Amino acid sequence: QVQLVESGGGLVQPGGSLRLSCGGSGFTFSTKGMKWYRQAPGKEREFVATISAHGDFVNFADSVRGRFSISRNNLQNTVYLQMNNLKPEDTAVYYCGVWGDDATWGQGTQVTVSS
């Protein structure tokens, strides 16, 4: 079955950077678009970024565009989320998923932006 494992979260000061990773297994990773979502306390899960199967198309939520980037390594079945100039409002649990599959998520990785 599809398995997704996120890592790379942590505590960072405002203006800092983090890179999240998500490893996928149980499916043909190189043929699937991937996505990152996040969920802050008391809020619904929201879209952050997506990348096409071959990495030639990316899209971002307005709130992160220009600060976050997304990339992937299909040889390592891994998708990345590079987060720069982090703000306190970026604090959330970050999840990766397979585009078109809303039922399967990893366990998430906590990102806390605080001074």
C-alpha atoms as a PDB file:
ATOM      1  CA  GLN A   1       0.000   0.000   0.000  1.00  0.00           C
ATOM      2  CA  VAL A   2       0.969   3.617  -0.353  1.00  0.00           C
ATOM      3  CA  GLN A   3       3.233   4.850   2.418  1.00  0.00           C
ATOM      4  CA  LEU A   4       4.494   8.388   2.915  1.00  0.00           C
ATOM      5  CA  VAL A   5       7.022   9.457   5.529  1.00  0.00           C
ATOM      6  CA  GLU A   6       7.731  13.112   6.200  1.00  0.00           C
ATOM      7  CA  SER A   7      10.771  14.453   8.029  1.00  0.00           C
ATOM      8  CA  GLY A   8      12.739  17.635   8.548  1.00  0.00           C
ATOM      9  CA  GLY A   9      10.440  19.660  10.741  1.00  0.00           C
ATOM     10  CA  GLY A  10      11.542  21.513  13.831  1.00  0.00           C
ATOM     11  CA  LEU A  11      11.670  24.791  15.691  1.00  0.00           C
ATOM     12  CA  VAL A  12      13.015  27.761  13.777  1.00  0.00           C
ATOM     13  CA  GLN A  13      13.102  31.494  14.350  1.00  0.00           C
ATOM     14  CA  PRO A  14      11.184  33.872  12.098  1.00  0.00           C
ATOM     15  CA  GLY A  15      13.168  34.465   8.932  1.00  0.00           C
ATOM     16  CA  GLY A  16      14.803  31.064   9.151  1.00  0.00           C
ATOM     17  CA  SER A  17      14.688  28.127   6.776  1.00  0.00           C
ATOM     18  CA  LEU A  18      13.825  24.451   6.860  1.00  0.00           C
ATOM     19  CA  ARG A  19      13.773  21.710   4.256  1.00  0.00           C
ATOM     20  CA  LEU A  20      11.145  19.030   4.573  1.00  0.00           C
ATOM     21  CA  SER A  21      11.465  15.629   2.941  1.00  0.00           C
ATOM     22  CA  CYS A  22       8.854  13.041   2.089  1.00  0.00           C
ATOM     23  CA  GLY A  23       9.700   9.504   1.054  1.00  0.00           C
ATOM     24  CA  GLY A  24       7.119   7.514  -0.860  1.00  0.00           C
ATOM     25  CA  SER A  25       6.732   3.759  -1.298  1.00  0.00           C
ATOM     26  CA  GLY A  26       4.110   1.279  -2.432  1.00  0.00           C
ATOM     27  CA  PHE A  27       3.458   3.068  -5.724  1.00  0.00           C
ATOM     28  CA  THR A  28       5.322   4.138  -8.837  1.00  0.00           C
ATOM     29  CA  PHE A  29       6.632   7.405  -7.460  1.00  0.00           C
ATOM     30  CA  SER A  30       7.974   8.757 -10.757  1.00  0.00           C
ATOM     31  CA  THR A  31       4.528   8.690 -12.380  1.00  0.00           C
ATOM     32  CA  LYS A  32       2.649  10.636  -9.712  1.00  0.00           C
ATOM     33  CA  GLY A  33       2.325  14.292  -8.940  1.00  0.00           C
ATOM     34  CA  MET A  34       2.997  15.061  -5.304  1.00  0.00           C
ATOM     35  CA  LYS A  35       1.685  17.699  -2.935  1.00  0.00           C
ATOM     36  CA  TRP A  36       2.332  19.302   0.408  1.00  0.00           C
ATOM     37  CA  TYR A  37      -0.442  20.407   2.727  1.00  0.00           C
ATOM     38  CA  ARG A  38      -0.341  21.815   6.231  1.00  0.00           C
ATOM     39  CA  GLN A  39      -2.656  22.004   9.184  1.00  0.00           C
ATOM     40  CA  ALA A  40      -2.374  24.588  11.918  1.00  0.00           C
ATOM     41  CA  PRO A  41      -4.029  24.120  15.314  1.00  0.00           C
ATOM     42  CA  GLY A  42      -7.752  24.715  15.076  1.00  0.00           C
ATOM     43  CA  LYS A  43      -7.682  25.098  11.306  1.00  0.00           C
ATOM     44  CA  GLU A  44      -8.455  22.888   8.358  1.00  0.00           C
ATOM     45  CA  ARG A  45      -5.729  21.269   6.312  1.00  0.00           C
ATOM     46  CA  GLU A  46      -4.678  23.609   3.505  1.00  0.00           C
ATOM     47  CA  PHE A  47      -2.805  23.310   0.255  1.00  0.00           C
ATOM     48  CA  VAL A  48       0.818  24.469   0.227  1.00  0.00           C
ATOM     49  CA  ALA A  49       2.492  23.254  -2.962  1.00  0.00           C
ATOM     50  CA  THR A  50       2.406  20.671  -5.693  1.00  0.00           C
ATOM     51  CA  ILE A  51       4.824  19.293  -8.258  1.00  0.00           C
ATOM     52  CA  SER A  52       4.138  17.233 -11.357  1.00  0.00           C
ATOM     53  CA  ALA A  53       5.512  13.738 -11.866  1.00  0.00           C
ATOM     54  CA  HIS A  54       8.594  14.919 -13.745  1.00  0.00           C
ATOM     55  CA  GLY A  55       8.984  18.186 -11.892  1.00  0.00           C
ATOM     56  CA  ASP A  56       8.162  20.414 -14.855  1.00  0.00           C
ATOM     57  CA  PHE A  57       5.115  21.981 -13.244  1.00  0.00           C
ATOM     58  CA  VAL A  58       4.861  23.444  -9.770  1.00  0.00           C
ATOM     59  CA  ASN A  59       2.249  25.508  -8.018  1.00  0.00           C
ATOM     60  CA  PHE A  60       2.054  27.207  -4.649  1.00  0.00           C
ATOM     61  CA  ALA A  61      -0.464  28.709  -2.308  1.00  0.00           C
ATOM     62  CA  ASP A  62      -0.396  32.494  -2.431  1.00  0.00           C
ATOM     63  CA  SER A  63       0.671  32.586   1.202  1.00  0.00           C
ATOM     64  CA  VAL A  64       3.969  30.809   0.478  1.00  0.00           C
ATOM     65  CA  ARG A  65       4.726  31.754  -3.116  1.00  0.00           C
ATOM     66  CA  GLY A  66       8.166  33.324  -3.389  1.00  0.00           C
ATOM     67  CA  ARG A  67       9.298  31.854  -0.050  1.00  0.00           C
ATOM     68  CA  PHE A  68       8.826  28.115  -0.553  1.00  0.00           C
ATOM     69  CA  SER A  69      10.053  25.867  -3.322  1.00  0.00           C
ATOM     70  CA  ILE A  70       9.242  22.255  -4.139  1.00  0.00           C
ATOM     71  CA  SER A  71      11.414  19.684  -5.843  1.00  0.00           C
ATOM     72  CA  ARG A  72      11.701  15.934  -6.209  1.00  0.00           C
ATOM     73  CA  ASN A  73      14.191  13.171  -6.789  1.00  0.00           C
ATOM     74  CA  ASN A  74      12.510  10.301  -8.598  1.00  0.00           C
ATOM     75  CA  LEU A  75      15.528   8.045  -8.189  1.00  0.00           C
ATOM     76  CA  GLN A  76      15.178   8.347  -4.419  1.00  0.00           C
ATOM     77  CA  ASN A  77      11.353   8.480  -4.360  1.00  0.00           C
ATOM     78  CA  THR A  78      11.528  11.705  -2.401  1.00  0.00           C
ATOM     79  CA  VAL A  79       9.824  15.072  -2.634  1.00  0.00           C
ATOM     80  CA  TYR A  80      11.163  18.140  -0.859  1.00  0.00           C
ATOM     81  CA  LEU A  81       9.735  21.390   0.422  1.00  0.00           C
ATOM     82  CA  GLN A  82      12.297  24.134   0.904  1.00  0.00           C
ATOM     83  CA  MET A  83      10.892  26.804   3.190  1.00  0.00           C
ATOM     84  CA  ASN A  84      12.670  30.144   3.448  1.00  0.00           C
ATOM     85  CA  ASN A  85      11.855  33.357   5.291  1.00  0.00           C
ATOM     86  CA  LEU A  86       9.568  31.453   7.606  1.00  0.00           C
ATOM     87  CA  LYS A  87       6.876  33.327   9.484  1.00  0.00           C
ATOM     88  CA  PRO A  88       4.999  32.453  12.685  1.00  0.00           C
ATOM     89  CA  GLU A  89       1.887  31.830  10.580  1.00  0.00           C
ATOM     90  CA  ASP A  90       3.726  28.991   8.848  1.00  0.00           C
ATOM     91  CA  THR A  91       3.548  27.031  12.102  1.00  0.00           C
ATOM     92  CA  ALA A  92       1.675  23.813  11.359  1.00  0.00           C
ATOM     93  CA  VAL A  93       1.981  20.095  10.845  1.00  0.00           C
ATOM     94  CA  TYR A  94       3.109  19.539   7.267  1.00  0.00           C
ATOM     95  CA  TYR A  95       1.896  16.540   5.293  1.00  0.00           C
ATOM     96  CA  CYS A  96       2.796  15.193   1.909  1.00  0.00           C
ATOM     97  CA  GLY A  97       0.429  13.365  -0.351  1.00  0.00           C
ATOM     98  CA  VAL A  98      -0.053  11.964  -3.815  1.00  0.00           C
ATOM     99  CA  TRP A  99      -1.856  14.281  -6.188  1.00  0.00           C
ATOM    100  CA  GLY A 100      -5.345  12.947  -6.827  1.00  0.00           C
ATOM    101  CA  ASP A 101      -5.386  10.819  -3.670  1.00  0.00           C
ATOM    102  CA  ASP A 102      -7.015  12.561  -0.732  1.00  0.00           C
ATOM    103  CA  ALA A 103      -7.173   9.460   1.412  1.00  0.00           C
ATOM    104  CA  THR A 104      -3.480   8.735   1.990  1.00  0.00           C
ATOM    105  CA  TRP A 105      -1.226  10.952   4.064  1.00  0.00           C
ATOM    106  CA  GLY A 106       1.961  10.549   5.990  1.00  0.00           C
ATOM    107  CA  GLN A 107       2.196  11.077   9.732  1.00  0.00           C
ATOM    108  CA  GLY A 108       3.211  14.681   9.240  1.00  0.00           C
ATOM    109  CA  THR A 109       6.123  16.701  10.540  1.00  0.00           C
ATOM    110  CA  GLN A 110       5.754  19.621  12.932  1.00  0.00           C
ATOM    111  CA  VAL A 111       7.092  23.013  11.936  1.00  0.00           C
ATOM    112  CA  THR A 112       7.155  25.683  14.614  1.00  0.00           C
ATOM    113  CA  VAL A 113       8.232  29.223  13.800  1.00  0.00           C
ATOM    114  CA  SER A 114       8.810  31.204  16.955  1.00  0.00           C
ATOM    115  CA  SER A 115      11.336  33.472  18.572  1.00  0.00           C
END
